[in-house]
Amino acid sequence: MDYTKYIESNSDIMLGKPVVKGTRITVGLILQRLSEGATIQDLITAYPNLTETSINAALAYASDVISNETIIAVA
């Protein structure tokens, strides 16, 4: 999925945290709510600006960030 159509990071919005475009809903909030047991439909009901596609884009973004994370081992 090309999440760049749905996720943006702008220093003027939420201090540059990644958000769903056109909203102040952060990827972190979406991940937190899902980890607490919310369903995609729960999120759409609570945040009508979200769509199933934008939620999946947030998940794809988070997956990409974690997959490309560099771990520095300190001995």
N, C-alpha and C. Protein backbone atom coordinates (compact mmCIF):
# COMPACT_ATOMS: atom_id res chain seq x y z
N MET A 1 0.85 -1.19 0.00
CA MET A 1 0.00 0.00 0.00
C MET A 1 0.89 1.24 0.00
N ASP A 2 0.51 2.23 -0.80
CA ASP A 2 1.23 3.49 -0.83
C ASP A 2 0.62 4.41 0.23
N TYR A 3 1.13 4.32 1.44
CA TYR A 3 0.57 5.08 2.55
C TYR A 3 0.82 6.58 2.42
N THR A 4 1.73 7.00 1.54
CA THR A 4 2.03 8.43 1.41
C THR A 4 0.83 9.22 0.90
N LYS A 5 -0.15 8.56 0.32
CA LYS A 5 -1.38 9.24 -0.10
C LYS A 5 -2.26 9.60 1.09
N TYR A 6 -2.02 8.94 2.23
CA TYR A 6 -2.90 9.08 3.39
C TYR A 6 -2.21 9.60 4.65
N ILE A 7 -0.89 9.45 4.73
CA ILE A 7 -0.16 9.82 5.94
C ILE A 7 0.81 10.94 5.61
N GLU A 8 0.85 11.96 6.49
CA GLU A 8 1.79 13.05 6.28
C GLU A 8 2.43 13.44 7.61
N SER A 9 3.58 14.06 7.49
CA SER A 9 4.27 14.60 8.66
C SER A 9 4.64 16.03 8.33
N ASN A 10 4.09 16.96 9.11
CA ASN A 10 4.28 18.38 8.87
C ASN A 10 4.58 19.03 10.22
N SER A 11 5.69 19.75 10.31
CA SER A 11 6.09 20.33 11.59
C SER A 11 5.04 21.30 12.16
N ASP A 12 4.14 21.78 11.32
CA ASP A 12 3.09 22.69 11.79
C ASP A 12 1.86 21.95 12.32
N ILE A 13 1.82 20.64 12.15
CA ILE A 13 0.67 19.85 12.60
C ILE A 13 1.16 18.81 13.60
N MET A 14 0.65 18.87 14.82
CA MET A 14 0.97 17.89 15.87
C MET A 14 2.49 17.72 16.04
N LEU A 15 3.21 18.83 15.95
CA LEU A 15 4.67 18.85 16.14
C LEU A 15 5.41 17.91 15.20
N GLY A 16 4.83 17.65 14.04
CA GLY A 16 5.50 16.82 13.04
C GLY A 16 5.25 15.33 13.17
N LYS A 17 4.42 14.94 14.14
CA LYS A 17 4.09 13.52 14.25
C LYS A 17 3.30 13.11 13.00
N PRO A 18 3.46 11.87 12.56
CA PRO A 18 2.70 11.43 11.39
C PRO A 18 1.21 11.38 11.70
N VAL A 19 0.42 11.97 10.80
CA VAL A 19 -1.04 12.03 10.96
C VAL A 19 -1.71 11.60 9.67
N VAL A 20 -2.99 11.28 9.77
CA VAL A 20 -3.81 11.04 8.59
C VAL A 20 -4.00 12.40 7.93
N LYS A 21 -3.72 12.49 6.65
CA LYS A 21 -3.80 13.76 5.92
C LYS A 21 -5.16 14.42 6.14
N GLY A 22 -5.10 15.73 6.35
CA GLY A 22 -6.33 16.50 6.53
C GLY A 22 -6.93 16.42 7.92
N THR A 23 -6.22 15.73 8.84
CA THR A 23 -6.72 15.59 10.21
C THR A 23 -5.58 15.86 11.19
N ARG A 24 -5.91 15.80 12.45
CA ARG A 24 -4.90 15.85 13.51
C ARG A 24 -4.87 14.51 14.24
N ILE A 25 -5.31 13.47 13.55
CA ILE A 25 -5.34 12.12 14.10
C ILE A 25 -4.00 11.46 13.80
N THR A 26 -3.25 11.17 14.87
CA THR A 26 -1.90 10.64 14.68
C THR A 26 -1.92 9.12 14.45
N VAL A 27 -0.88 8.68 13.79
CA VAL A 27 -0.69 7.24 13.61
C VAL A 27 -0.58 6.58 14.99
N GLY A 28 0.10 7.24 15.91
CA GLY A 28 0.24 6.71 17.27
C GLY A 28 -1.09 6.49 17.95
N LEU A 29 -2.03 7.43 17.77
CA LEU A 29 -3.36 7.27 18.37
C LEU A 29 -4.08 6.06 17.78
N ILE A 30 -3.99 5.91 16.47
CA ILE A 30 -4.63 4.76 15.82
C ILE A 30 -4.05 3.46 16.36
N LEU A 31 -2.72 3.38 16.44
CA LEU A 31 -2.08 2.17 16.96
C LEU A 31 -2.48 1.91 18.42
N GLN A 32 -2.50 2.97 19.21
CA GLN A 32 -2.87 2.81 20.62
C GLN A 32 -4.28 2.27 20.77
N ARG A 33 -5.22 2.88 20.05
CA ARG A 33 -6.61 2.45 20.16
C ARG A 33 -6.78 1.00 19.70
N LEU A 34 -6.12 0.63 18.60
CA LEU A 34 -6.20 -0.76 18.12
C LEU A 34 -5.59 -1.72 19.14
N SER A 35 -4.49 -1.32 19.76
CA SER A 35 -3.84 -2.19 20.75
C SER A 35 -4.70 -2.35 22.00
N GLU A 36 -5.58 -1.40 22.24
CA GLU A 36 -6.50 -1.48 23.38
C GLU A 36 -7.75 -2.30 23.07
N GLY A 37 -7.83 -2.79 21.83
CA GLY A 37 -8.95 -3.66 21.47
C GLY A 37 -10.01 -3.02 20.59
N ALA A 38 -9.82 -1.75 20.22
CA ALA A 38 -10.80 -1.11 19.34
C ALA A 38 -10.74 -1.77 17.97
N THR A 39 -11.88 -1.82 17.32
CA THR A 39 -11.94 -2.33 15.95
C THR A 39 -11.81 -1.16 14.98
N ILE A 40 -11.61 -1.49 13.72
CA ILE A 40 -11.57 -0.45 12.70
C ILE A 40 -12.89 0.32 12.70
N GLN A 41 -14.00 -0.39 12.84
CA GLN A 41 -15.30 0.28 12.86
C GLN A 41 -15.43 1.19 14.09
N ASP A 42 -14.89 0.76 15.23
CA ASP A 42 -14.91 1.62 16.43
C ASP A 42 -14.19 2.94 16.15
N LEU A 43 -13.03 2.84 15.48
CA LEU A 43 -12.26 4.05 15.17
C LEU A 43 -13.02 4.96 14.21
N ILE A 44 -13.63 4.37 13.21
CA ILE A 44 -14.39 5.17 12.23
C ILE A 44 -15.58 5.85 12.92
N THR A 45 -16.20 5.16 13.85
CA THR A 45 -17.32 5.75 14.59
C THR A 45 -16.84 6.90 15.48
N ALA A 46 -15.71 6.70 16.15
CA ALA A 46 -15.18 7.72 17.05
C ALA A 46 -14.56 8.90 16.29
N TYR A 47 -13.99 8.62 15.14
CA TYR A 47 -13.30 9.64 14.34
C TYR A 47 -13.83 9.56 12.91
N PRO A 48 -14.93 10.23 12.61
CA PRO A 48 -15.59 10.10 11.30
C PRO A 48 -14.70 10.48 10.10
N ASN A 49 -13.62 11.22 10.34
CA ASN A 49 -12.72 11.57 9.24
C ASN A 49 -11.86 10.40 8.80
N LEU A 50 -11.81 9.34 9.60
CA LEU A 50 -11.02 8.16 9.24
C LEU A 50 -11.83 7.26 8.31
N THR A 51 -11.10 6.53 7.48
CA THR A 51 -11.69 5.49 6.64
C THR A 51 -10.92 4.21 6.90
N GLU A 52 -11.46 3.11 6.45
CA GLU A 52 -10.74 1.85 6.58
C GLU A 52 -9.39 1.94 5.86
N THR A 53 -9.38 2.59 4.72
CA THR A 53 -8.15 2.74 3.95
C THR A 53 -7.12 3.58 4.70
N SER A 54 -7.55 4.67 5.33
CA SER A 54 -6.59 5.51 6.05
C SER A 54 -6.05 4.79 7.29
N ILE A 55 -6.87 3.98 7.92
CA ILE A 55 -6.40 3.20 9.07
C ILE A 55 -5.39 2.15 8.61
N ASN A 56 -5.68 1.48 7.50
CA ASN A 56 -4.72 0.51 6.97
C ASN A 56 -3.44 1.20 6.52
N ALA A 57 -3.53 2.43 6.03
CA ALA A 57 -2.34 3.19 5.65
C ALA A 57 -1.50 3.49 6.89
N ALA A 58 -2.15 3.82 8.00
CA ALA A 58 -1.43 4.07 9.25
C ALA A 58 -0.69 2.81 9.70
N LEU A 59 -1.34 1.66 9.56
CA LEU A 59 -0.68 0.39 9.91
C LEU A 59 0.49 0.10 8.99
N ALA A 60 0.32 0.37 7.70
CA ALA A 60 1.41 0.16 6.73
C ALA A 60 2.58 1.08 7.04
N TYR A 61 2.27 2.33 7.38
CA TYR A 61 3.32 3.29 7.75
C TYR A 61 4.10 2.79 8.96
N ALA A 62 3.38 2.39 10.00
CA ALA A 62 4.03 1.91 11.22
C ALA A 62 4.88 0.68 10.94
N SER A 63 4.38 -0.23 10.14
CA SER A 63 5.13 -1.43 9.77
C SER A 63 6.41 -1.06 9.04
N ASP A 64 6.32 -0.11 8.12
CA ASP A 64 7.48 0.32 7.36
C ASP A 64 8.53 0.96 8.26
N VAL A 65 8.09 1.80 9.18
CA VAL A 65 9.02 2.47 10.09
C VAL A 65 9.74 1.44 10.96
N ILE A 66 8.99 0.49 11.50
CA ILE A 66 9.59 -0.54 12.36
C ILE A 66 10.52 -1.45 11.56
N SER A 67 10.13 -1.80 10.36
CA SER A 67 10.94 -2.68 9.53
C SER A 67 12.27 -2.06 9.14
N ASN A 68 12.32 -0.74 9.07
CA ASN A 68 13.54 -0.05 8.66
C ASN A 68 14.29 0.57 9.83
N GLU A 69 13.92 0.17 11.03
CA GLU A 69 14.54 0.71 12.23
C GLU A 69 15.97 0.16 12.37
N THR A 70 16.87 1.02 12.76
CA THR A 70 18.24 0.61 13.00
C THR A 70 18.44 0.46 14.50
N ILE A 71 18.95 -0.69 14.89
CA ILE A 71 19.20 -0.95 16.30
C ILE A 71 20.69 -0.81 16.57
N ILE A 72 21.03 -0.02 17.55
CA ILE A 72 22.42 0.19 17.91
C ILE A 72 22.66 -0.54 19.23
N ALA A 73 23.52 -1.54 19.18
CA ALA A 73 23.83 -2.31 20.39
C ALA A 73 24.96 -1.63 21.14
N VAL A 74 24.75 -1.42 22.42
CA VAL A 74 25.77 -0.82 23.27
C VAL A 74 26.24 -1.88 24.24
N ALA A 75 27.54 -2.11 24.24
CA ALA A 75 28.09 -3.15 25.12
C ALA A 75 28.50 -2.60 26.45
